[in-house]
Amino acid sequence: MKIAIPTNDRKTLAERSGRASEFAIIEINSEGIQSINFIENQHEKTHHNGEHNHDERHGHEDLVALLSGINIIIGRKFGPHFSRDFHNAGIKMKLTKTEIIEDAAIEIFKNIN
């Protein structure tokens, strides 16, 4: 299973998924975490640029494309536009209060398997 987790420091979950500096891509199976790679979030740089106002045109299609091939995205919070776009792409979203990215991946993997 491939899990994406937003992070700003490669250790903990970012507070806002769409604004994270990068995503940890974690491959996990019943034996545990097999690999962790990081992908830079260009969406944050090109779309948000410090602005917090969103309208109905705001989309995350670039993030959906960047994270294609993942099964689940885990986050602390998902905004309405982010949720809409990932839901429409058929990518499951799970919320967690766990702070460490590896712990969050293991927790969610255990809860769905």
PDB file of N, CA and C in Angstrom:
ATOM      1  N   MET A   1       0.849  -1.172   0.000  1.00  0.00           N
ATOM      2  CA  MET A   1       0.000   0.000   0.000  1.00  0.00           C
ATOM      3  C   MET A   1       0.890   1.229   0.000  1.00  0.00           C
ATOM      4  N   LYS A   2       0.461   2.251  -0.753  1.00  0.00           N
ATOM      5  CA  LYS A   2       1.178   3.522  -0.799  1.00  0.00           C
ATOM      6  C   LYS A   2       0.362   4.590  -0.088  1.00  0.00           C
ATOM      7  N   ILE A   3       1.014   5.260   0.852  1.00  0.00           N
ATOM      8  CA  ILE A   3       0.371   6.291   1.657  1.00  0.00           C
ATOM      9  C   ILE A   3       1.122   7.602   1.464  1.00  0.00           C
ATOM     10  N   ALA A   4       0.388   8.702   1.301  1.00  0.00           N
ATOM     11  CA  ALA A   4       0.989  10.038   1.232  1.00  0.00           C
ATOM     12  C   ALA A   4       0.671  10.781   2.525  1.00  0.00           C
ATOM     13  N   ILE A   5       1.674  11.468   3.060  1.00  0.00           N
ATOM     14  CA  ILE A   5       1.498  12.243   4.287  1.00  0.00           C
ATOM     15  C   ILE A   5       2.160  13.602   4.112  1.00  0.00           C
ATOM     16  N   PRO A   6       1.410  14.693   4.294  1.00  0.00           N
ATOM     17  CA  PRO A   6       2.001  16.033   4.170  1.00  0.00           C
ATOM     18  C   PRO A   6       2.935  16.329   5.341  1.00  0.00           C
ATOM     19  N   THR A   7       4.082  16.944   5.034  1.00  0.00           N
ATOM     20  CA  THR A   7       5.055  17.265   6.079  1.00  0.00           C
ATOM     21  C   THR A   7       5.828  18.526   5.709  1.00  0.00           C
ATOM     22  N   ASN A   8       6.293  19.209   6.713  1.00  0.00           N
ATOM     23  CA  ASN A   8       7.159  20.375   6.506  1.00  0.00           C
ATOM     24  C   ASN A   8       8.579  20.112   6.981  1.00  0.00           C
ATOM     25  N   ASP A   9       8.779  19.029   7.739  1.00  0.00           N
ATOM     26  CA  ASP A   9      10.089  18.777   8.334  1.00  0.00           C
ATOM     27  C   ASP A   9      10.578  17.336   8.178  1.00  0.00           C
ATOM     28  N   ARG A  10       9.850  16.552   7.400  1.00  0.00           N
ATOM     29  CA  ARG A  10      10.194  15.144   7.154  1.00  0.00           C
ATOM     30  C   ARG A  10      10.095  14.271   8.403  1.00  0.00           C
ATOM     31  N   LYS A  11       9.477  14.793   9.453  1.00  0.00           N
ATOM     32  CA  LYS A  11       9.308  14.016  10.687  1.00  0.00           C
ATOM     33  C   LYS A  11       7.854  13.982  11.146  1.00  0.00           C
ATOM     34  N   THR A  12       7.187  15.141  11.086  1.00  0.00           N
ATOM     35  CA  THR A  12       5.830  15.262  11.611  1.00  0.00           C
ATOM     36  C   THR A  12       4.853  15.658  10.515  1.00  0.00           C
ATOM     37  N   LEU A  13       3.573  15.400  10.786  1.00  0.00           N
ATOM     38  CA  LEU A  13       2.523  15.787   9.850  1.00  0.00           C
ATOM     39  C   LEU A  13       2.363  17.298   9.842  1.00  0.00           C
ATOM     40  N   ALA A  14       2.184  17.851   8.658  1.00  0.00           N
ATOM     41  CA  ALA A  14       1.907  19.272   8.518  1.00  0.00           C
ATOM     42  C   ALA A  14       0.478  19.549   8.963  1.00  0.00           C
ATOM     43  N   GLU A  15       0.231  20.736   9.457  1.00  0.00           N
ATOM     44  CA  GLU A  15      -1.111  21.114   9.916  1.00  0.00           C
ATOM     45  C   GLU A  15      -2.093  21.189   8.751  1.00  0.00           C
ATOM     46  N   ARG A  16      -1.678  21.759   7.631  1.00  0.00           N
ATOM     47  CA  ARG A  16      -2.538  21.903   6.452  1.00  0.00           C
ATOM     48  C   ARG A  16      -1.961  21.086   5.299  1.00  0.00           C
ATOM     49  N   SER A  17      -2.718  20.165   4.779  1.00  0.00           N
ATOM     50  CA  SER A  17      -2.225  19.251   3.755  1.00  0.00           C
ATOM     51  C   SER A  17      -1.814  19.955   2.471  1.00  0.00           C
ATOM     52  N   GLY A  18      -2.655  20.821   1.947  1.00  0.00           N
ATOM     53  CA  GLY A  18      -2.356  21.495   0.688  1.00  0.00           C
ATOM     54  C   GLY A  18      -1.216  22.487   0.771  1.00  0.00           C
ATOM     55  N   ARG A  19      -0.886  22.919   1.980  1.00  0.00           N
ATOM     56  CA  ARG A  19       0.169  23.916   2.167  1.00  0.00           C
ATOM     57  C   ARG A  19       1.481  23.324   2.663  1.00  0.00           C
ATOM     58  N   ALA A  20       1.547  22.012   2.787  1.00  0.00           N
ATOM     59  CA  ALA A  20       2.778  21.365   3.240  1.00  0.00           C
ATOM     60  C   ALA A  20       3.894  21.589   2.220  1.00  0.00           C
ATOM     61  N   SER A  21       5.128  21.624   2.689  1.00  0.00           N
ATOM     62  CA  SER A  21       6.244  21.827   1.764  1.00  0.00           C
ATOM     63  C   SER A  21       6.519  20.582   0.922  1.00  0.00           C
ATOM     64  N   GLU A  22       6.175  19.413   1.451  1.00  0.00           N
ATOM     65  CA  GLU A  22       6.352  18.188   0.682  1.00  0.00           C
ATOM     66  C   GLU A  22       5.459  17.072   1.235  1.00  0.00           C
ATOM     67  N   PHE A  23       5.457  15.969   0.539  1.00  0.00           N
ATOM     68  CA  PHE A  23       4.684  14.794   0.955  1.00  0.00           C
ATOM     69  C   PHE A  23       5.627  13.619   1.125  1.00  0.00           C
ATOM     70  N   ALA A  24       5.475  12.913   2.233  1.00  0.00           N
ATOM     71  CA  ALA A  24       6.164  11.649   2.424  1.00  0.00           C
ATOM     72  C   ALA A  24       5.338  10.589   1.697  1.00  0.00           C
ATOM     73  N   ILE A  25       5.977   9.810   0.859  1.00  0.00           N
ATOM     74  CA  ILE A  25       5.318   8.697   0.186  1.00  0.00           C
ATOM     75  C   ILE A  25       5.846   7.431   0.850  1.00  0.00           C
ATOM     76  N   ILE A  26       4.971   6.770   1.573  1.00  0.00           N
ATOM     77  CA  ILE A  26       5.356   5.613   2.379  1.00  0.00           C
ATOM     78  C   ILE A  26       4.752   4.352   1.789  1.00  0.00           C
ATOM     79  N   GLU A  27       5.611   3.400   1.494  1.00  0.00           N
ATOM     80  CA  GLU A  27       5.138   2.089   1.066  1.00  0.00           C
ATOM     81  C   GLU A  27       5.164   1.192   2.291  1.00  0.00           C
ATOM     82  N   ILE A  28       4.014   0.581   2.564  1.00  0.00           N
ATOM     83  CA  ILE A  28       3.858  -0.211   3.777  1.00  0.00           C
ATOM     84  C   ILE A  28       3.092  -1.491   3.464  1.00  0.00           C
ATOM     85  N   ASN A  29       3.437  -2.550   4.161  1.00  0.00           N
ATOM     86  CA  ASN A  29       2.686  -3.797   4.054  1.00  0.00           C
ATOM     87  C   ASN A  29       2.633  -4.443   5.434  1.00  0.00           C
ATOM     88  N   SER A  30       2.179  -5.670   5.490  1.00  0.00           N
ATOM     89  CA  SER A  30       2.005  -6.329   6.788  1.00  0.00           C
ATOM     90  C   SER A  30       3.320  -6.521   7.542  1.00  0.00           C
ATOM     91  N   GLU A  31       4.427  -6.419   6.856  1.00  0.00           N
ATOM     92  CA  GLU A  31       5.732  -6.536   7.507  1.00  0.00           C
ATOM     93  C   GLU A  31       6.245  -5.196   8.031  1.00  0.00           C
ATOM     94  N   GLY A  32       5.556  -4.115   7.682  1.00  0.00           N
ATOM     95  CA  GLY A  32       5.960  -2.793   8.152  1.00  0.00           C
ATOM     96  C   GLY A  32       6.272  -1.845   7.006  1.00  0.00           C
ATOM     97  N   ILE A  33       6.918  -0.728   7.341  1.00  0.00           N
ATOM     98  CA  ILE A  33       7.280   0.278   6.341  1.00  0.00           C
ATOM     99  C   ILE A  33       8.415  -0.256   5.483  1.00  0.00           C
ATOM    100  N   GLN A  34       8.214  -0.234   4.180  1.00  0.00           N
ATOM    101  CA  GLN A  34       9.215  -0.732   3.241  1.00  0.00           C
ATOM    102  C   GLN A  34      10.098   0.385   2.692  1.00  0.00           C
ATOM    103  N   SER A  35       9.501   1.576   2.494  1.00  0.00           N
ATOM    104  CA  SER A  35      10.287   2.709   1.994  1.00  0.00           C
ATOM    105  C   SER A  35       9.566   4.012   2.291  1.00  0.00           C
ATOM    106  N   ILE A  36      10.366   5.073   2.367  1.00  0.00           N
ATOM    107  CA  ILE A  36       9.838   6.431   2.519  1.00  0.00           C
ATOM    108  C   ILE A  36      10.606   7.324   1.546  1.00  0.00           C
ATOM    109  N   ASN A  37       9.858   8.013   0.690  1.00  0.00           N
ATOM    110  CA  ASN A  37      10.432   8.984  -0.232  1.00  0.00           C
ATOM    111  C   ASN A  37       9.677  10.297  -0.049  1.00  0.00           C
ATOM    112  N   PHE A  38      10.271  11.389  -0.486  1.00  0.00           N
ATOM    113  CA  PHE A  38       9.650  12.695  -0.333  1.00  0.00           C
ATOM    114  C   PHE A  38       9.505  13.367  -1.689  1.00  0.00           C
ATOM    115  N   ILE A  39       8.333  13.991  -1.887  1.00  0.00           N
ATOM    116  CA  ILE A  39       8.026  14.712  -3.118  1.00  0.00           C
ATOM    117  C   ILE A  39       7.709  16.157  -2.747  1.00  0.00           C
ATOM    118  N   GLU A  40       8.360  17.098  -3.418  1.00  0.00           N
ATOM    119  CA  GLU A  40       8.117  18.517  -3.150  1.00  0.00           C
ATOM    120  C   GLU A  40       6.723  18.927  -3.604  1.00  0.00           C
ATOM    121  N   ASN A  41       6.068  19.752  -2.807  1.00  0.00           N
ATOM    122  CA  ASN A  41       4.722  20.246  -3.108  1.00  0.00           C
ATOM    123  C   ASN A  41       4.826  21.568  -3.868  1.00  0.00           C
ATOM    124  N   GLN A  42       4.755  21.510  -5.173  1.00  0.00           N
ATOM    125  CA  GLN A  42       4.789  22.726  -5.996  1.00  0.00           C
ATOM    126  C   GLN A  42       3.487  23.510  -5.895  1.00  0.00           C
ATOM    127  N   HIS A  43       2.405  22.840  -5.507  1.00  0.00           N
ATOM    128  CA  HIS A  43       1.101  23.502  -5.380  1.00  0.00           C
ATOM    129  C   HIS A  43       1.187  24.656  -4.383  1.00  0.00           C
ATOM    130  N   GLU A  44       1.850  24.427  -3.285  1.00  0.00           N
ATOM    131  CA  GLU A  44       1.984  25.464  -2.256  1.00  0.00           C
ATOM    132  C   GLU A  44       2.662  26.702  -2.822  1.00  0.00           C
ATOM    133  N   LYS A  45       3.693  26.511  -3.615  1.00  0.00           N
ATOM    134  CA  LYS A  45       4.444  27.642  -4.164  1.00  0.00           C
ATOM    135  C   LYS A  45       3.705  28.360  -5.279  1.00  0.00           C
ATOM    136  N   THR A  46       3.011  27.604  -6.124  1.00  0.00           N
ATOM    137  CA  THR A  46       2.396  28.210  -7.298  1.00  0.00           C
ATOM    138  C   THR A  46       0.974  28.701  -7.079  1.00  0.00           C
ATOM    139  N   HIS A  47       0.248  28.124  -6.127  1.00  0.00           N
ATOM    140  CA  HIS A  47      -1.158  28.486  -5.948  1.00  0.00           C
ATOM    141  C   HIS A  47      -1.452  29.293  -4.698  1.00  0.00           C
ATOM    142  N   HIS A  48      -0.758  29.029  -3.627  1.00  0.00           N
ATOM    143  CA  HIS A  48      -1.096  29.711  -2.374  1.00  0.00           C
ATOM    144  C   HIS A  48      -0.303  30.993  -2.206  1.00  0.00           C
ATOM    145  N   ASN A  49       0.986  30.931  -2.403  1.00  0.00           N
ATOM    146  CA  ASN A  49       1.832  32.121  -2.380  1.00  0.00           C
ATOM    147  C   ASN A  49       1.500  33.066  -1.236  1.00  0.00           C
ATOM    148  N   GLY A  50       1.186  32.493  -0.074  1.00  0.00           N
ATOM    149  CA  GLY A  50       0.894  33.318   1.094  1.00  0.00           C
ATOM    150  C   GLY A  50      -0.539  33.801   1.197  1.00  0.00           C
ATOM    151  N   GLU A  51      -1.358  33.532   0.198  1.00  0.00           N
ATOM    152  CA  GLU A  51      -2.751  33.987   0.225  1.00  0.00           C
ATOM    153  C   GLU A  51      -3.631  32.911   0.836  1.00  0.00           C
ATOM    154  N   HIS A  52      -4.663  33.342   1.527  1.00  0.00           N
ATOM    155  CA  HIS A  52      -5.548  32.382   2.183  1.00  0.00           C
ATOM    156  C   HIS A  52      -6.962  32.401   1.621  1.00  0.00           C
ATOM    157  N   ASN A  53      -7.216  33.205   0.609  1.00  0.00           N
ATOM    158  CA  ASN A  53      -8.581  33.256   0.077  1.00  0.00           C
ATOM    159  C   ASN A  53      -8.736  32.241  -1.053  1.00  0.00           C
ATOM    160  N   HIS A  54      -9.775  31.473  -0.975  1.00  0.00           N
ATOM    161  CA  HIS A  54     -10.078  30.458  -1.989  1.00  0.00           C
ATOM    162  C   HIS A  54     -11.456  30.744  -2.544  1.00  0.00           C
ATOM    163  N   ASP A  55     -11.613  30.443  -3.812  1.00  0.00           N
ATOM    164  CA  ASP A  55     -12.946  30.518  -4.393  1.00  0.00           C
ATOM    165  C   ASP A  55     -13.256  29.177  -5.028  1.00  0.00           C
ATOM    166  N   GLU A  56     -14.393  29.068  -5.684  1.00  0.00           N
ATOM    167  CA  GLU A  56     -14.808  27.780  -6.257  1.00  0.00           C
ATOM    168  C   GLU A  56     -13.871  27.288  -7.349  1.00  0.00           C
ATOM    169  N   ARG A  57     -13.085  28.170  -7.953  1.00  0.00           N
ATOM    170  CA  ARG A  57     -12.166  27.753  -9.011  1.00  0.00           C
ATOM    171  C   ARG A  57     -10.904  27.116  -8.451  1.00  0.00           C
ATOM    172  N   HIS A  58     -10.644  27.317  -7.169  1.00  0.00           N
ATOM    173  CA  HIS A  58      -9.424  26.778  -6.578  1.00  0.00           C
ATOM    174  C   HIS A  58      -9.469  25.259  -6.622  1.00  0.00           C
ATOM    175  N   GLY A  59      -8.439  24.666  -7.193  1.00  0.00           N
ATOM    176  CA  GLY A  59      -8.410  23.220  -7.288  1.00  0.00           C
ATOM    177  C   GLY A  59      -7.048  22.658  -6.930  1.00  0.00           C
ATOM    178  N   HIS A  60      -7.020  21.377  -6.779  1.00  0.00           N
ATOM    179  CA  HIS A  60      -5.803  20.670  -6.401  1.00  0.00           C
ATOM    180  C   HIS A  60      -5.476  19.576  -7.411  1.00  0.00           C
ATOM    181  N   GLU A  61      -5.848  19.793  -8.667  1.00  0.00           N
ATOM    182  CA  GLU A  61      -5.610  18.789  -9.692  1.00  0.00           C
ATOM    183  C   GLU A  61      -4.126  18.477  -9.833  1.00  0.00           C
ATOM    184  N   ASP A  62      -3.280  19.501  -9.636  1.00  0.00           N
ATOM    185  CA  ASP A  62      -1.838  19.269  -9.720  1.00  0.00           C
ATOM    186  C   ASP A  62      -1.362  18.343  -8.605  1.00  0.00           C
ATOM    187  N   LEU A  63      -1.932  18.482  -7.417  1.00  0.00           N
ATOM    188  CA  LEU A  63      -1.573  17.591  -6.310  1.00  0.00           C
ATOM    189  C   LEU A  63      -2.084  16.179  -6.549  1.00  0.00           C
ATOM    190  N   VAL A  64      -3.297  16.079  -7.079  1.00  0.00           N
ATOM    191  CA  VAL A  64      -3.852  14.756  -7.394  1.00  0.00           C
ATOM    192  C   VAL A  64      -2.935  14.061  -8.399  1.00  0.00           C
ATOM    193  N   ALA A  65      -2.470  14.786  -9.414  1.00  0.00           N
ATOM    194  CA  ALA A  65      -1.563  14.204 -10.409  1.00  0.00           C
ATOM    195  C   ALA A  65      -0.216  13.838  -9.775  1.00  0.00           C
ATOM    196  N   LEU A  66       0.311  14.730  -8.932  1.00  0.00           N
ATOM    197  CA  LEU A  66       1.588  14.493  -8.263  1.00  0.00           C
ATOM    198  C   LEU A  66       1.534  13.229  -7.408  1.00  0.00           C
ATOM    199  N   LEU A  67       0.408  13.002  -6.766  1.00  0.00           N
ATOM    200  CA  LEU A  67       0.259  11.879  -5.844  1.00  0.00           C
ATOM    201  C   LEU A  67      -0.463  10.684  -6.467  1.00  0.00           C
ATOM    202  N   SER A  68      -0.519  10.660  -7.795  1.00  0.00           N
ATOM    203  CA  SER A  68      -1.184   9.529  -8.453  1.00  0.00           C
ATOM    204  C   SER A  68      -0.471   8.236  -8.068  1.00  0.00           C
ATOM    205  N   GLY A  69      -1.235   7.216  -7.894  1.00  0.00           N
ATOM    206  CA  GLY A  69      -0.674   5.926  -7.511  1.00  0.00           C
ATOM    207  C   GLY A  69      -0.725   5.656  -6.022  1.00  0.00           C
ATOM    208  N   ILE A  70      -1.106   6.654  -5.227  1.00  0.00           N
ATOM    209  CA  ILE A  70      -1.234   6.396  -3.798  1.00  0.00           C
ATOM    210  C   ILE A  70      -2.615   5.812  -3.517  1.00  0.00           C
ATOM    211  N   ASN A  71      -2.721   5.103  -2.407  1.00  0.00           N
ATOM    212  CA  ASN A  71      -4.000   4.532  -2.001  1.00  0.00           C
ATOM    213  C   ASN A  71      -4.735   5.427  -1.021  1.00  0.00           C
ATOM    214  N   ILE A  72      -3.981   6.085  -0.144  1.00  0.00           N
ATOM    215  CA  ILE A  72      -4.571   6.894   0.932  1.00  0.00           C
ATOM    216  C   ILE A  72      -3.684   8.105   1.180  1.00  0.00           C
ATOM    217  N   ILE A  73      -4.312   9.214   1.504  1.00  0.00           N
ATOM    218  CA  ILE A  73      -3.579  10.354   2.028  1.00  0.00           C
ATOM    219  C   ILE A  73      -4.017  10.551   3.476  1.00  0.00           C
ATOM    220  N   ILE A  74      -3.051  10.698   4.348  1.00  0.00           N
ATOM    221  CA  ILE A  74      -3.315  10.888   5.771  1.00  0.00           C
ATOM    222  C   ILE A  74      -3.008  12.340   6.111  1.00  0.00           C
ATOM    223  N   GLY A  75      -3.883  12.970   6.878  1.00  0.00           N
ATOM    224  CA  GLY A  75      -3.632  14.349   7.269  1.00  0.00           C
ATOM    225  C   GLY A  75      -4.244  14.694   8.606  1.00  0.00           C
ATOM    226  N   ARG A  76      -3.879  15.864   9.071  1.00  0.00           N
ATOM    227  CA  ARG A  76      -4.441  16.395  10.312  1.00  0.00           C
ATOM    228  C   ARG A  76      -5.722  17.159  10.027  1.00  0.00           C
ATOM    229  N   LYS A  77      -5.777  17.732   8.822  1.00  0.00           N
ATOM    230  CA  LYS A  77      -6.940  18.531   8.426  1.00  0.00           C
ATOM    231  C   LYS A  77      -6.933  18.631   6.901  1.00  0.00           C
ATOM    232  N   PHE A  78      -8.119  18.536   6.293  1.00  0.00           N
ATOM    233  CA  PHE A  78      -8.267  18.703   4.850  1.00  0.00           C
ATOM    234  C   PHE A  78      -9.280  19.812   4.603  1.00  0.00           C
ATOM    235  N   GLY A  79      -8.923  20.771   3.772  1.00  0.00           N
ATOM    236  CA  GLY A  79      -9.860  21.825   3.416  1.00  0.00           C
ATOM    237  C   GLY A  79     -10.922  21.302   2.466  1.00  0.00           C
ATOM    238  N   PRO A  80     -11.999  22.061   2.267  1.00  0.00           N
ATOM    239  CA  PRO A  80     -13.111  21.587   1.429  1.00  0.00           C
ATOM    240  C   PRO A  80     -12.725  21.375  -0.034  1.00  0.00           C
ATOM    241  N   HIS A  81     -11.895  22.218  -0.594  1.00  0.00           N
ATOM    242  CA  HIS A  81     -11.491  22.057  -1.995  1.00  0.00           C
ATOM    243  C   HIS A  81     -10.549  20.867  -2.148  1.00  0.00           C
ATOM    244  N   PHE A  82      -9.639  20.713  -1.222  1.00  0.00           N
ATOM    245  CA  PHE A  82      -8.720  19.576  -1.201  1.00  0.00           C
ATOM    246  C   PHE A  82      -9.525  18.278  -1.111  1.00  0.00           C
ATOM    247  N   SER A  83     -10.456  18.226  -0.166  1.00  0.00           N
ATOM    248  CA  SER A  83     -11.285  17.029   0.024  1.00  0.00           C
ATOM    249  C   SER A  83     -12.080  16.702  -1.229  1.00  0.00           C
ATOM    250  N   ARG A  84     -12.675  17.708  -1.835  1.00  0.00           N
ATOM    251  CA  ARG A  84     -13.463  17.507  -3.060  1.00  0.00           C
ATOM    252  C   ARG A  84     -12.614  16.892  -4.158  1.00  0.00           C
ATOM    253  N   ASP A  85     -11.448  17.460  -4.400  1.00  0.00           N
ATOM    254  CA  ASP A  85     -10.623  17.005  -5.512  1.00  0.00           C
ATOM    255  C   ASP A  85     -10.060  15.602  -5.292  1.00  0.00           C
ATOM    256  N   PHE A  86      -9.644  15.288  -4.069  1.00  0.00           N
ATOM    257  CA  PHE A  86      -9.127  13.946  -3.808  1.00  0.00           C
ATOM    258  C   PHE A  86     -10.250  12.920  -3.792  1.00  0.00           C
ATOM    259  N   HIS A  87     -11.409  13.294  -3.267  1.00  0.00           N
ATOM    260  CA  HIS A  87     -12.573  12.400  -3.305  1.00  0.00           C
ATOM    261  C   HIS A  87     -12.953  12.098  -4.753  1.00  0.00           C
ATOM    262  N   ASN A  88     -13.004  13.145  -5.583  1.00  0.00           N
ATOM    263  CA  ASN A  88     -13.359  12.962  -6.991  1.00  0.00           C
ATOM    264  C   ASN A  88     -12.349  12.090  -7.736  1.00  0.00           C
ATOM    265  N   ALA A  89     -11.103  12.101  -7.284  1.00  0.00           N
ATOM    266  CA  ALA A  89     -10.062  11.276  -7.906  1.00  0.00           C
ATOM    267  C   ALA A  89     -10.061   9.842  -7.371  1.00  0.00           C
ATOM    268  N   GLY A  90     -10.923   9.573  -6.379  1.00  0.00           N
ATOM    269  CA  GLY A  90     -11.006   8.225  -5.829  1.00  0.00           C
ATOM    270  C   GLY A  90      -9.897   7.892  -4.841  1.00  0.00           C
ATOM    271  N   ILE A  91      -9.248   8.922  -4.304  1.00  0.00           N
ATOM    272  CA  ILE A  91      -8.181   8.701  -3.322  1.00  0.00           C
ATOM    273  C   ILE A  91      -8.773   8.859  -1.927  1.00  0.00           C
ATOM    274  N   LYS A  92      -8.609   7.826  -1.108  1.00  0.00           N
ATOM    275  CA  LYS A  92      -9.146   7.854   0.250  1.00  0.00           C
ATOM    276  C   LYS A  92      -8.363   8.836   1.108  1.00  0.00           C
ATOM    277  N   MET A  93      -9.064   9.466   2.046  1.00  0.00           N
ATOM    278  CA  MET A  93      -8.456  10.408   2.978  1.00  0.00           C
ATOM    279  C   MET A  93      -8.760   9.937   4.390  1.00  0.00           C
ATOM    280  N   LYS A  94      -7.755   9.951   5.235  1.00  0.00           N
ATOM    281  CA  LYS A  94      -7.919   9.571   6.630  1.00  0.00           C
ATOM    282  C   LYS A  94      -7.310  10.653   7.506  1.00  0.00           C
ATOM    283  N   LEU A  95      -8.034  11.019   8.550  1.00  0.00           N
ATOM    284  CA  LEU A  95      -7.542  11.999   9.512  1.00  0.00           C
ATOM    285  C   LEU A  95      -6.866  11.289  10.674  1.00  0.00           C
ATOM    286  N   THR A  96      -5.865  11.945  11.235  1.00  0.00           N
ATOM    287  CA  THR A  96      -5.184  11.405  12.404  1.00  0.00           C
ATOM    288  C   THR A  96      -4.747  12.545  13.310  1.00  0.00           C
ATOM    289  N   LYS A  97      -4.590  12.229  14.570  1.00  0.00           N
ATOM    290  CA  LYS A  97      -4.017  13.181  15.522  1.00  0.00           C
ATOM    291  C   LYS A  97      -2.565  12.804  15.831  1.00  0.00           C
ATOM    292  N   THR A  98      -2.124  11.686  15.280  1.00  0.00           N
ATOM    293  CA  THR A  98      -0.753  11.233  15.464  1.00  0.00           C
ATOM    294  C   THR A  98       0.185  12.215  14.769  1.00  0.00           C
ATOM    295  N   GLU A  99       1.282  12.575  15.412  1.00  0.00           N
ATOM    296  CA  GLU A  99       2.166  13.606  14.876  1.00  0.00           C
ATOM    297  C   GLU A  99       3.320  13.081  14.025  1.00  0.00           C
ATOM    298  N   ILE A 100       3.873  11.944  14.362  1.00  0.00           N
ATOM    299  CA  ILE A 100       5.041  11.406  13.655  1.00  0.00           C
ATOM    300  C   ILE A 100       4.558  10.665  12.402  1.00  0.00           C
ATOM    301  N   ILE A 101       5.167  10.974  11.234  1.00  0.00           N
ATOM    302  CA  ILE A 101       4.646  10.425   9.976  1.00  0.00           C
ATOM    303  C   ILE A 101       4.670   8.897   9.933  1.00  0.00           C
ATOM    304  N   GLU A 102       5.754   8.281  10.395  1.00  0.00           N
ATOM    305  CA  GLU A 102       5.814   6.813  10.375  1.00  0.00           C
ATOM    306  C   GLU A 102       4.751   6.201  11.280  1.00  0.00           C
ATOM    307  N   ASP A 103       4.549   6.792  12.455  1.00  0.00           N
ATOM    308  CA  ASP A 103       3.530   6.282  13.380  1.00  0.00           C
ATOM    309  C   ASP A 103       2.131   6.413  12.784  1.00  0.00           C
ATOM    310  N   ALA A 104       1.877   7.522  12.094  1.00  0.00           N
ATOM    311  CA  ALA A 104       0.566   7.724  11.467  1.00  0.00           C
ATOM    312  C   ALA A 104       0.322   6.691  10.378  1.00  0.00           C
ATOM    313  N   ALA A 105       1.338   6.405   9.566  1.00  0.00           N
ATOM    314  CA  ALA A 105       1.192   5.408   8.502  1.00  0.00           C
ATOM    315  C   ALA A 105       0.882   4.035   9.074  1.00  0.00           C
ATOM    316  N   ILE A 106       1.603   3.650  10.115  1.00  0.00           N
ATOM    317  CA  ILE A 106       1.373   2.343  10.743  1.00  0.00           C
ATOM    318  C   ILE A 106      -0.012   2.284  11.361  1.00  0.00           C
ATOM    319  N   GLU A 107      -0.405   3.336  12.053  1.00  0.00           N
ATOM    320  CA  GLU A 107      -1.731   3.387  12.688  1.00  0.00           C
ATOM    321  C   GLU A 107      -2.848   3.201  11.657  1.00  0.00           C
ATOM    322  N   ILE A 108      -2.805   3.961  10.601  1.00  0.00           N
ATOM    323  CA  ILE A 108      -3.866   3.886   9.585  1.00  0.00           C
ATOM    324  C   ILE A 108      -3.828   2.546   8.881  1.00  0.00           C
ATOM    325  N   PHE A 109      -2.645   2.052   8.532  1.00  0.00           N
ATOM    326  CA  PHE A 109      -2.534   0.748   7.872  1.00  0.00           C
ATOM    327  C   PHE A 109      -3.164  -0.340   8.731  1.00  0.00           C
ATOM    328  N   LYS A 110      -2.866  -0.353  10.023  1.00  0.00           N
ATOM    329  CA  LYS A 110      -3.432  -1.364  10.918  1.00  0.00           C
ATOM    330  C   LYS A 110      -4.948  -1.255  11.016  1.00  0.00           C
ATOM    331  N   ASN A 111      -5.472  -0.015  10.989  1.00  0.00           N
ATOM    332  CA  ASN A 111      -6.922   0.189  11.125  1.00  0.00           C
ATOM    333  C   ASN A 111      -7.713  -0.189   9.886  1.00  0.00           C
ATOM    334  N   ILE A 112      -7.058  -0.244   8.730  1.00  0.00           N
ATOM    335  CA  ILE A 112      -7.808  -0.595   7.520  1.00  0.00           C
ATOM    336  C   ILE A 112      -7.555  -2.019   7.065  1.00  0.00           C
ATOM    337  N   ASN A 113      -6.595  -2.673   7.677  1.00  0.00           N
ATOM    338  CA  ASN A 113      -6.289  -4.075   7.282  1.00  0.00           C
ATOM    339  C   ASN A 113      -6.649  -5.045   8.383  1.00  0.00           C
TER     340      ASN A 113
END
